[in-house]
Amino acid sequence: MKRIVSICLALAICMPLAGCQPAGAGGGKPQAVTLKITTPPIGLGDVPGVGETEASAMLAVAAERFRAQYEGCDVQFEISRYNYTDEKEQLLDKIGTADAADIFFAGSWNTSAWADKGWLVPLDDIIDEGLRADISEILWNQNTYKGHVYVIPFHQLQNTLAVNKAMMERAGLDAFIPEPDTIAHWSTDDFNTVLAGLKASIADEGAYVFMMYALNSQGDSHIMTLLQAMGGSLYDENGNFAVNTPEGIAALTWLKSLDEQGYVPKGAENIELLDMVDLFGNGQLAICMANLTNLWDYRAQGLDVFPVNFPSLDGRGYAVATTNGLCVFDNGDPEKIRVAKDFIRYLYTDEEVMKYTLGTLPVNDSVMERYGDEIWMLNAYRENSANLTTIVRLDNLNWQGVRDVFYLNIQDLLRGTKTPAEVAAAIDGTCNAALEQGRSSAG
């Protein structure tokens, strides 16, 4: 798996003002508008015709193309890139100052809290029927807060699981291998059969059947998805965690049984997601998480792998997607807000810009359809959008707080210091306390 190393230096791209745009009132040149766009180092994968690239490079290309055709005013862009750990200093502390960002490109993890504080502008007025229909409602819902869309999703990572095909064949599990270039769909019972067969066929003490990790919060959404394996839902109708149910307890019992039966690495509470990815890449793990970008990487390494959805009782399985997209900060300048919205809407009309979504996975069904025959597995993941489940909600006003406590409960499960029922109650208690803290902080 390629890893994009965060760089602490900010990259500033300032494009000089272009030639005269259409004249304003009285035949004079319209006043120039400068938009500041900022983003953390978000990788866009191996984009066809471009290569490995990041969001900041895409935004620079998009800005040039937008300026070349825009007739609303003379517009200049300043594009900066900052390290994730510097978000407070480089983004939030600048709100209300002359250095404040006008457009932000990133995930929707914290934007609900910003929307609640009035820092963001609703973007519903630039979503026409065509754009709305072109993106899954689950993805729109992930970017909606109190009935308004605050983030327009640009690309996604649709997470499934990846399976080592050679290990399946050695275990005699050919019946569970899907047709080439498709995603497998196994029920929870199917998973149990596959895991048992793989375990029986693995003689190497350094090889394992299934991923498991709880050292930190990385990959916590994958573990949350597994908590639905017995038919339960992660949330109740009010958006609160609801794992302390018969179905949730059964799922936790199942996860603990994977540890007890030796399907997962010993001491998984001390292992992180990247350790599992490394084991899988080395052929020492049969099943690990994956998205389309990971699958391309594994194939480049010479691994023969296929994807499978996370388990569900009905056999369709679950996939979980996270999105990155664009939002607009309200800096009190209606003209800047207007031009910022025009820029964002323009992106979805420019085929060259939309190609930058092909290094990960587009959110637009039309883009996936257009390039589905050219890019391996793109059609399969497009069709699998029907099996998306919601993990991250924009109305969770303290998602980082949830992440800070969720994995600690999984540690208790794996260590055996709490029973599955006790862990279910603790997940609801600690995660909902974090959500309530966010609501109280937002007022």
Protein backbone atom coordinates (compact mmCIF):
# COMPACT_ATOMS: atom_id res chain seq x y z
CA MET A 1 0.00 0.00 0.00
CA LYS A 2 1.42 3.39 -0.98
CA ARG A 3 1.58 5.80 1.93
CA ILE A 4 1.44 9.53 1.52
CA VAL A 5 3.74 11.12 4.04
CA SER A 6 2.41 14.29 5.59
CA ILE A 7 4.70 17.24 4.95
CA CYS A 8 4.78 20.00 7.51
CA LEU A 9 5.58 22.78 5.02
CA ALA A 10 2.57 24.57 3.56
CA LEU A 11 2.42 24.73 -0.21
CA ALA A 12 1.18 28.06 -1.49
CA ILE A 13 0.07 28.36 -5.09
CA CYS A 14 -0.83 31.88 -6.12
CA MET A 15 -1.96 32.30 -9.68
CA PRO A 16 -1.49 35.74 -11.25
CA LEU A 17 -4.51 37.65 -12.33
CA ALA A 18 -5.67 36.81 -15.85
CA GLY A 19 -6.58 39.24 -18.59
CA CYS A 20 -9.64 41.42 -18.59
CA GLN A 21 -12.97 39.73 -18.00
CA PRO A 22 -16.26 41.29 -19.23
CA ALA A 23 -16.63 44.90 -18.20
CA GLY A 24 -18.62 45.95 -15.17
CA ALA A 25 -20.98 48.89 -14.76
CA GLY A 26 -19.93 51.83 -16.91
CA GLY A 27 -17.63 49.69 -19.03
CA GLY A 28 -14.98 49.44 -16.34
CA LYS A 29 -13.16 46.32 -15.28
CA PRO A 30 -14.95 44.44 -12.47
CA GLN A 31 -13.29 44.45 -9.10
CA ALA A 32 -10.97 41.47 -8.57
CA VAL A 33 -11.96 38.77 -6.12
CA THR A 34 -9.31 36.68 -4.37
CA LEU A 35 -10.37 33.29 -3.02
CA LYS A 36 -8.23 31.47 -0.49
CA ILE A 37 -8.48 27.68 -0.70
CA THR A 38 -6.82 25.42 1.83
CA THR A 39 -6.50 21.66 2.20
CA PRO A 40 -4.51 19.11 4.16
CA PRO A 41 -2.29 16.68 2.20
CA ILE A 42 -5.08 14.51 0.81
CA GLY A 43 -3.86 11.94 -1.70
CA LEU A 44 -5.91 11.40 -4.84
CA GLY A 45 -4.08 8.22 -5.81
CA ASP A 46 -2.71 7.37 -9.25
CA VAL A 47 -4.81 9.56 -11.53
CA PRO A 48 -4.89 8.39 -15.18
CA GLY A 49 -2.74 10.69 -17.30
CA VAL A 50 -1.46 12.53 -14.22
CA GLY A 51 0.13 9.98 -11.88
CA GLU A 52 0.29 10.13 -8.09
CA THR A 53 -1.13 13.45 -7.00
CA GLU A 54 -2.78 15.35 -4.16
CA ALA A 55 -5.82 17.57 -3.74
CA SER A 56 -3.74 20.76 -3.81
CA ALA A 57 -2.51 19.94 -7.33
CA MET A 58 -6.05 19.20 -8.49
CA LEU A 59 -7.28 22.49 -7.05
CA ALA A 60 -4.52 24.40 -8.86
CA VAL A 61 -5.53 22.86 -12.19
CA ALA A 62 -9.22 23.45 -11.48
CA ALA A 63 -8.59 27.08 -10.56
CA GLU A 64 -6.73 27.77 -13.81
CA ARG A 65 -9.47 26.16 -15.89
CA PHE A 66 -12.19 28.00 -14.00
CA ARG A 67 -10.51 31.39 -14.47
CA ALA A 68 -10.06 30.79 -18.19
CA GLN A 69 -13.80 30.62 -18.77
CA TYR A 70 -15.35 32.59 -15.88
CA GLU A 71 -17.18 35.78 -16.81
CA GLY A 72 -18.49 36.74 -13.37
CA CYS A 73 -15.45 38.79 -12.37
CA ASP A 74 -11.68 38.76 -12.33
CA VAL A 75 -10.82 36.04 -9.84
CA GLN A 76 -7.52 35.12 -8.28
CA PHE A 77 -6.81 32.02 -6.18
CA GLU A 78 -4.40 31.43 -3.34
CA ILE A 79 -4.12 27.71 -2.62
CA SER A 80 -2.35 26.53 0.52
CA ARG A 81 -1.66 23.10 1.92
CA TYR A 82 -1.06 22.40 5.61
CA ASN A 83 -0.25 19.37 7.73
CA TYR A 84 -3.18 17.69 9.50
CA THR A 85 -1.71 18.47 12.91
CA ASP A 86 -1.69 22.18 12.09
CA GLU A 87 -5.42 22.51 11.34
CA LYS A 88 -6.17 24.70 14.34
CA GLU A 89 -3.35 27.13 13.62
CA GLN A 90 -3.64 27.15 9.83
CA LEU A 91 -7.42 27.04 9.46
CA LEU A 92 -9.54 27.57 12.55
CA ASP A 93 -7.49 30.30 14.25
CA LYS A 94 -7.65 32.38 11.07
CA ILE A 95 -11.45 32.51 10.93
CA GLY A 96 -12.57 36.14 11.12
CA THR A 97 -9.19 37.47 9.94
CA ALA A 98 -7.91 38.63 6.56
CA ASP A 99 -6.10 35.28 6.22
CA ALA A 100 -9.22 33.15 6.63
CA ALA A 101 -9.93 30.43 4.09
CA ASP A 102 -12.86 30.93 1.76
CA ILE A 103 -12.98 27.32 0.51
CA PHE A 104 -11.89 24.20 2.37
CA PHE A 105 -11.26 20.80 0.78
CA ALA A 106 -11.24 17.83 3.15
CA GLY A 107 -13.44 15.24 4.82
CA SER A 108 -16.67 16.01 6.62
CA TRP A 109 -15.49 14.73 10.01
CA ASN A 110 -15.58 18.08 11.82
CA THR A 111 -17.58 20.29 9.49
CA SER A 112 -20.87 19.77 11.30
CA ALA A 113 -19.48 21.59 14.34
CA TRP A 114 -18.30 24.40 12.11
CA ALA A 115 -21.73 24.60 10.48
CA ASP A 116 -23.34 24.72 13.90
CA LYS A 117 -21.13 27.68 14.84
CA GLY A 118 -22.26 29.51 11.70
CA TRP A 119 -18.84 29.39 10.07
CA LEU A 120 -20.01 27.59 6.91
CA VAL A 121 -22.44 28.53 4.15
CA PRO A 122 -25.20 26.07 3.10
CA LEU A 123 -24.64 24.91 -0.47
CA ASP A 124 -28.13 23.64 -1.35
CA ASP A 125 -28.63 26.41 -3.93
CA ILE A 126 -25.88 25.03 -6.20
CA ILE A 127 -27.19 21.45 -6.13
CA ASP A 128 -29.56 21.05 -9.06
CA GLU A 129 -31.62 17.94 -9.72
CA GLY A 130 -29.00 16.50 -12.06
CA LEU A 131 -26.15 16.73 -9.54
CA ARG A 132 -28.35 15.47 -6.72
CA ALA A 133 -29.36 12.39 -8.70
CA ASP A 134 -25.76 11.73 -9.77
CA ILE A 135 -24.52 11.10 -6.21
CA SER A 136 -25.76 8.47 -3.76
CA GLU A 137 -28.22 9.71 -1.13
CA ILE A 138 -26.09 8.02 1.53
CA LEU A 139 -23.18 10.24 0.52
CA TRP A 140 -25.39 13.33 0.50
CA ASN A 141 -26.67 12.40 3.96
CA GLN A 142 -23.11 12.13 5.23
CA ASN A 143 -22.60 15.75 4.23
CA THR A 144 -25.91 17.15 5.46
CA TYR A 145 -26.51 18.88 8.77
CA LYS A 146 -29.94 20.05 9.98
CA GLY A 147 -31.39 19.63 6.53
CA HIS A 148 -28.69 21.55 4.66
CA VAL A 149 -25.72 20.33 2.63
CA TYR A 150 -22.51 21.96 3.83
CA VAL A 151 -19.99 19.82 1.97
CA ILE A 152 -20.24 18.93 -1.73
CA PRO A 153 -18.55 15.50 -1.97
CA PHE A 154 -15.85 15.26 -4.65
CA HIS A 155 -14.43 11.74 -4.32
CA GLN A 156 -14.79 8.78 -1.99
CA LEU A 157 -13.04 5.80 -0.52
CA GLN A 158 -15.48 2.90 -0.50
CA ASN A 159 -14.08 0.39 1.97
CA THR A 160 -14.70 -3.31 1.54
CA LEU A 161 -12.48 -6.24 2.52
CA ALA A 162 -9.76 -7.78 0.36
CA VAL A 163 -9.15 -11.53 0.17
CA ASN A 164 -5.97 -13.36 -0.84
CA LYS A 165 -7.20 -15.60 -3.65
CA ALA A 166 -4.27 -18.06 -3.46
CA MET A 167 -4.91 -18.70 0.23
CA MET A 168 -8.59 -19.35 -0.55
CA GLU A 169 -7.64 -21.87 -3.26
CA ARG A 170 -5.19 -23.66 -0.98
CA ALA A 171 -7.98 -23.97 1.58
CA GLY A 172 -10.33 -25.51 -0.98
CA LEU A 173 -12.73 -22.59 -0.74
CA ASP A 174 -13.11 -22.02 -4.48
CA ALA A 175 -16.90 -21.97 -4.17
CA PHE A 176 -16.65 -18.65 -2.32
CA ILE A 177 -14.44 -16.99 -4.93
CA PRO A 178 -16.52 -14.61 -7.09
CA GLU A 179 -16.39 -14.16 -10.83
CA PRO A 180 -13.39 -12.13 -12.00
CA ASP A 181 -13.61 -8.35 -11.52
CA THR A 182 -16.59 -8.55 -9.16
CA ILE A 183 -17.14 -8.09 -5.44
CA ALA A 184 -18.04 -11.15 -3.36
CA HIS A 185 -21.06 -11.07 -1.03
CA TRP A 186 -20.85 -13.45 1.95
CA SER A 187 -23.32 -13.78 4.77
CA THR A 188 -22.07 -13.91 8.35
CA ASP A 189 -22.48 -17.71 8.22
CA ASP A 190 -20.43 -17.77 5.02
CA PHE A 191 -17.71 -15.81 6.78
CA ASN A 192 -17.61 -18.34 9.58
CA THR A 193 -17.23 -21.17 7.05
CA VAL A 194 -14.48 -19.33 5.17
CA LEU A 195 -12.59 -18.36 8.32
CA ALA A 196 -12.65 -21.92 9.65
CA GLY A 197 -11.45 -23.31 6.31
CA LEU A 198 -8.62 -20.80 6.07
CA LYS A 199 -7.51 -21.47 9.64
CA ALA A 200 -7.35 -25.21 8.97
CA SER A 201 -5.15 -24.66 5.92
CA ILE A 202 -2.62 -22.24 7.42
CA ALA A 203 0.43 -23.95 8.88
CA ASP A 204 2.69 -20.91 9.15
CA GLU A 205 2.67 -19.50 12.68
CA GLY A 206 3.31 -16.05 11.25
CA ALA A 207 0.20 -16.09 9.06
CA TYR A 208 -3.35 -15.25 10.06
CA VAL A 209 -6.88 -15.42 8.74
CA PHE A 210 -8.62 -12.13 9.52
CA MET A 211 -7.68 -8.59 10.44
CA MET A 212 -8.15 -7.25 13.95
CA TYR A 213 -6.62 -4.21 15.63
CA ALA A 214 -7.35 -1.83 18.48
CA LEU A 215 -4.09 -0.06 19.33
CA ASN A 216 -5.50 3.32 18.31
CA SER A 217 -8.40 4.94 16.50
CA GLN A 218 -7.09 4.22 13.02
CA GLY A 219 -9.53 1.98 11.20
CA ASP A 220 -12.23 2.25 13.84
CA SER A 221 -14.92 2.64 11.17
CA HIS A 222 -14.06 -0.87 9.90
CA ILE A 223 -14.61 -2.36 13.36
CA MET A 224 -17.87 -0.41 13.65
CA THR A 225 -19.01 -1.94 10.37
CA LEU A 226 -18.34 -5.43 11.75
CA LEU A 227 -20.66 -4.62 14.66
CA GLN A 228 -23.56 -4.86 12.21
CA ALA A 229 -22.74 -8.47 11.28
CA MET A 230 -25.61 -9.86 13.37
CA GLY A 231 -28.30 -7.56 12.00
CA GLY A 232 -27.94 -4.66 14.41
CA SER A 233 -27.61 -0.99 13.61
CA LEU A 234 -24.82 1.20 14.90
CA TYR A 235 -27.23 4.06 15.66
CA ASP A 236 -30.77 4.62 16.85
CA GLU A 237 -33.22 6.95 15.15
CA ASN A 238 -31.80 9.95 17.03
CA GLY A 239 -28.23 9.40 15.88
CA ASN A 240 -27.03 7.97 19.19
CA PHE A 241 -24.96 4.81 19.40
CA ALA A 242 -27.16 1.76 19.94
CA VAL A 243 -24.78 -1.21 20.22
CA ASN A 244 -26.21 -2.38 23.54
CA THR A 245 -28.87 -4.53 21.87
CA PRO A 246 -29.16 -8.31 21.44
CA GLU A 247 -27.79 -7.92 17.91
CA GLY A 248 -24.94 -5.67 19.01
CA ILE A 249 -23.95 -7.98 21.86
CA ALA A 250 -24.08 -10.94 19.48
CA ALA A 251 -21.73 -9.11 17.08
CA LEU A 252 -19.27 -8.36 19.89
CA THR A 253 -19.47 -11.98 21.01
CA TRP A 254 -18.67 -13.00 17.45
CA LEU A 255 -15.67 -10.66 17.29
CA LYS A 256 -14.34 -12.07 20.55
CA SER A 257 -14.81 -15.61 19.20
CA LEU A 258 -12.54 -14.78 16.26
CA ASP A 259 -9.82 -14.01 18.78
CA GLU A 260 -10.54 -17.11 20.86
CA GLN A 261 -10.40 -19.38 17.80
CA GLY A 262 -7.07 -17.97 16.68
CA TYR A 263 -8.38 -16.40 13.49
CA VAL A 264 -6.81 -13.02 14.27
CA PRO A 265 -3.29 -12.15 15.45
CA LYS A 266 -2.59 -12.62 19.14
CA GLY A 267 -2.62 -9.41 21.12
CA ALA A 268 -4.67 -7.58 18.50
CA GLU A 269 -5.41 -4.90 21.09
CA ASN A 270 -1.76 -3.86 20.66
CA ILE A 271 -1.82 -3.89 16.85
CA GLU A 272 -2.78 -1.08 14.47
CA LEU A 273 -4.40 -1.08 11.05
CA LEU A 274 -1.16 -0.49 9.14
CA ASP A 275 0.31 -3.62 10.72
CA MET A 276 -2.55 -5.59 9.19
CA VAL A 277 -2.06 -3.93 5.81
CA ASP A 278 1.62 -4.88 5.90
CA LEU A 279 0.82 -8.50 6.79
CA PHE A 280 -1.69 -8.69 3.95
CA GLY A 281 0.77 -7.20 1.48
CA ASN A 282 3.34 -9.80 2.56
CA GLY A 283 0.90 -12.67 2.00
CA GLN A 284 0.66 -13.38 5.75
CA LEU A 285 -3.00 -12.38 6.18
CA ALA A 286 -5.93 -13.80 4.25
CA ILE A 287 -8.51 -11.02 4.71
CA CYS A 288 -7.92 -7.32 5.33
CA MET A 289 -9.69 -4.04 4.62
CA ALA A 290 -9.38 -2.51 1.17
CA ASN A 291 -10.67 0.15 -1.14
CA LEU A 292 -10.17 0.40 -4.87
CA THR A 293 -6.85 2.24 -4.46
CA ASN A 294 -5.55 -0.50 -2.15
CA LEU A 295 -6.60 -3.17 -4.64
CA TRP A 296 -4.60 -1.48 -7.39
CA ASP A 297 -1.60 -1.37 -5.05
CA TYR A 298 -1.92 -5.04 -4.11
CA ARG A 299 -2.19 -6.02 -7.75
CA ALA A 300 0.93 -3.96 -8.55
CA GLN A 301 2.73 -5.93 -5.83
CA GLY A 302 1.83 -9.17 -7.59
CA LEU A 303 -0.95 -10.27 -5.24
CA ASP A 304 -4.04 -11.93 -6.70
CA VAL A 305 -6.85 -10.50 -4.57
CA PHE A 306 -10.58 -9.97 -4.77
CA PRO A 307 -12.89 -7.77 -2.68
CA VAL A 308 -15.75 -8.92 -0.45
CA ASN A 309 -18.22 -6.80 1.49
CA PHE A 310 -18.24 -6.75 5.26
CA PRO A 311 -20.53 -9.51 6.58
CA SER A 312 -24.28 -9.21 6.98
CA LEU A 313 -26.96 -11.74 7.86
CA ASP A 314 -28.72 -11.31 4.53
CA GLY A 315 -25.59 -12.00 2.49
CA ARG A 316 -25.48 -8.68 0.63
CA GLY A 317 -22.87 -7.37 3.00
CA TYR A 318 -21.85 -3.84 3.86
CA ALA A 319 -19.49 -1.33 2.35
CA VAL A 320 -18.66 1.92 4.06
CA ALA A 321 -17.62 5.11 2.28
CA THR A 322 -15.96 8.27 3.47
CA THR A 323 -15.86 11.34 1.26
CA ASN A 324 -13.71 14.38 0.74
CA GLY A 325 -15.27 17.49 -0.70
CA LEU A 326 -15.59 21.24 -0.65
CA CYS A 327 -17.22 23.67 1.73
CA VAL A 328 -17.41 27.47 1.86
CA PHE A 329 -16.60 29.58 4.90
CA ASP A 330 -18.79 32.60 5.60
CA ASN A 331 -16.31 35.45 5.84
CA GLY A 332 -18.95 38.16 5.55
CA ASP A 333 -18.32 38.92 1.86
CA PRO A 334 -21.31 38.06 -0.35
CA GLU A 335 -19.27 38.47 -3.54
CA LYS A 336 -16.63 35.99 -2.37
CA ILE A 337 -19.33 33.53 -1.37
CA ARG A 338 -20.98 33.86 -4.79
CA VAL A 339 -17.74 33.26 -6.69
CA ALA A 340 -16.74 30.41 -4.37
CA LYS A 341 -20.05 28.68 -5.06
CA ASP A 342 -19.62 29.24 -8.80
CA PHE A 343 -16.17 27.64 -8.62
CA ILE A 344 -17.40 24.58 -6.74
CA ARG A 345 -20.31 24.04 -9.08
CA TYR A 346 -18.00 24.43 -12.07
CA LEU A 347 -15.83 21.49 -10.97
CA TYR A 348 -18.63 19.03 -11.69
CA THR A 349 -19.01 20.28 -15.26
CA ASP A 350 -15.33 19.97 -16.24
CA GLU A 351 -14.40 16.49 -17.44
CA GLU A 352 -10.66 17.12 -17.01
CA VAL A 353 -11.14 18.11 -13.37
CA MET A 354 -13.45 15.17 -12.67
CA LYS A 355 -10.75 12.77 -13.93
CA TYR A 356 -8.93 13.53 -10.68
CA THR A 357 -11.54 11.43 -8.88
CA LEU A 358 -10.44 8.31 -10.79
CA GLY A 359 -7.37 7.70 -8.63
CA THR A 360 -9.64 6.79 -5.71
CA LEU A 361 -13.35 6.45 -6.53
CA PRO A 362 -15.70 9.09 -7.97
CA VAL A 363 -18.86 10.04 -6.11
CA ASN A 364 -20.61 10.84 -9.40
CA ASP A 365 -22.36 7.89 -10.97
CA SER A 366 -22.00 9.49 -14.40
CA VAL A 367 -18.20 9.61 -14.07
CA MET A 368 -18.06 5.98 -12.97
CA GLU A 369 -20.26 5.00 -15.89
CA ARG A 370 -18.14 6.95 -18.37
CA TYR A 371 -14.86 5.31 -17.32
CA GLY A 372 -16.16 1.99 -16.00
CA ASP A 373 -14.85 -0.03 -18.93
CA GLU A 374 -11.41 1.57 -18.77
CA ILE A 375 -10.55 1.18 -15.09
CA TRP A 376 -10.32 -2.17 -13.34
CA MET A 377 -13.09 -2.80 -10.77
CA LEU A 378 -14.65 0.64 -11.21
CA ASN A 379 -17.94 -0.82 -12.44
CA ALA A 380 -17.98 -3.31 -9.57
CA TYR A 381 -17.61 -0.59 -6.94
CA ARG A 382 -20.18 1.54 -8.74
CA GLU A 383 -22.74 -1.27 -8.48
CA ASN A 384 -21.75 -1.90 -4.87
CA SER A 385 -22.86 1.60 -3.85
CA ALA A 386 -26.27 0.06 -3.14
CA ASN A 387 -24.72 -1.71 -0.15
CA LEU A 388 -23.26 1.34 1.56
CA THR A 389 -23.92 1.69 5.28
CA THR A 390 -23.57 4.84 7.36
CA ILE A 391 -20.77 5.05 9.90
CA VAL A 392 -19.83 8.73 9.96
CA ARG A 393 -22.75 11.15 10.34
CA LEU A 394 -22.48 14.91 9.90
CA ASP A 395 -24.75 15.43 12.91
CA ASN A 396 -22.10 13.81 15.13
CA LEU A 397 -20.66 17.02 16.53
CA ASN A 398 -17.71 15.38 18.25
CA TRP A 399 -16.56 12.55 16.03
CA GLN A 400 -13.00 12.88 17.22
CA GLY A 401 -14.26 12.40 20.76
CA VAL A 402 -16.03 9.22 19.64
CA ARG A 403 -12.86 7.95 18.02
CA ASP A 404 -10.88 8.69 21.18
CA VAL A 405 -13.00 6.30 23.24
CA PHE A 406 -14.35 3.67 20.85
CA TYR A 407 -11.14 1.69 20.38
CA LEU A 408 -10.55 1.55 24.14
CA ASN A 409 -13.75 -0.48 24.45
CA ILE A 410 -12.56 -2.90 21.75
CA GLN A 411 -9.32 -3.25 23.71
CA ASP A 412 -11.37 -4.34 26.74
CA LEU A 413 -13.19 -6.89 24.56
CA LEU A 414 -10.02 -8.40 23.15
CA ARG A 415 -8.24 -8.48 26.50
CA GLY A 416 -11.24 -10.12 28.10
CA THR A 417 -11.41 -7.53 30.86
CA LYS A 418 -15.09 -6.98 30.00
CA THR A 419 -17.75 -9.29 28.63
CA PRO A 420 -19.36 -8.52 25.26
CA ALA A 421 -22.46 -7.28 27.08
CA GLU A 422 -20.36 -4.98 29.27
CA VAL A 423 -18.49 -3.71 26.23
CA ALA A 424 -21.76 -3.01 24.39
CA ALA A 425 -22.98 -0.92 27.32
CA ALA A 426 -19.61 0.85 27.54
CA ILE A 427 -19.58 1.70 23.83
CA ASP A 428 -23.00 3.31 24.08
CA GLY A 429 -22.07 5.10 27.29
CA THR A 430 -18.71 6.50 26.25
CA CYS A 431 -19.51 7.26 22.61
CA ASN A 432 -22.83 8.93 23.43
CA ALA A 433 -21.14 10.97 26.13
CA ALA A 434 -18.72 12.21 23.49
CA LEU A 435 -21.60 13.07 21.17
CA GLU A 436 -23.38 14.93 23.96
CA GLN A 437 -20.23 16.85 24.75
CA GLY A 438 -20.16 18.01 21.15
CA ARG A 439 -23.81 19.06 21.26
CA SER A 440 -23.30 20.95 24.52
CA SER A 441 -20.22 22.69 23.16
CA ALA A 442 -22.13 23.75 20.06
CA GLY A 443 -25.04 25.00 22.14
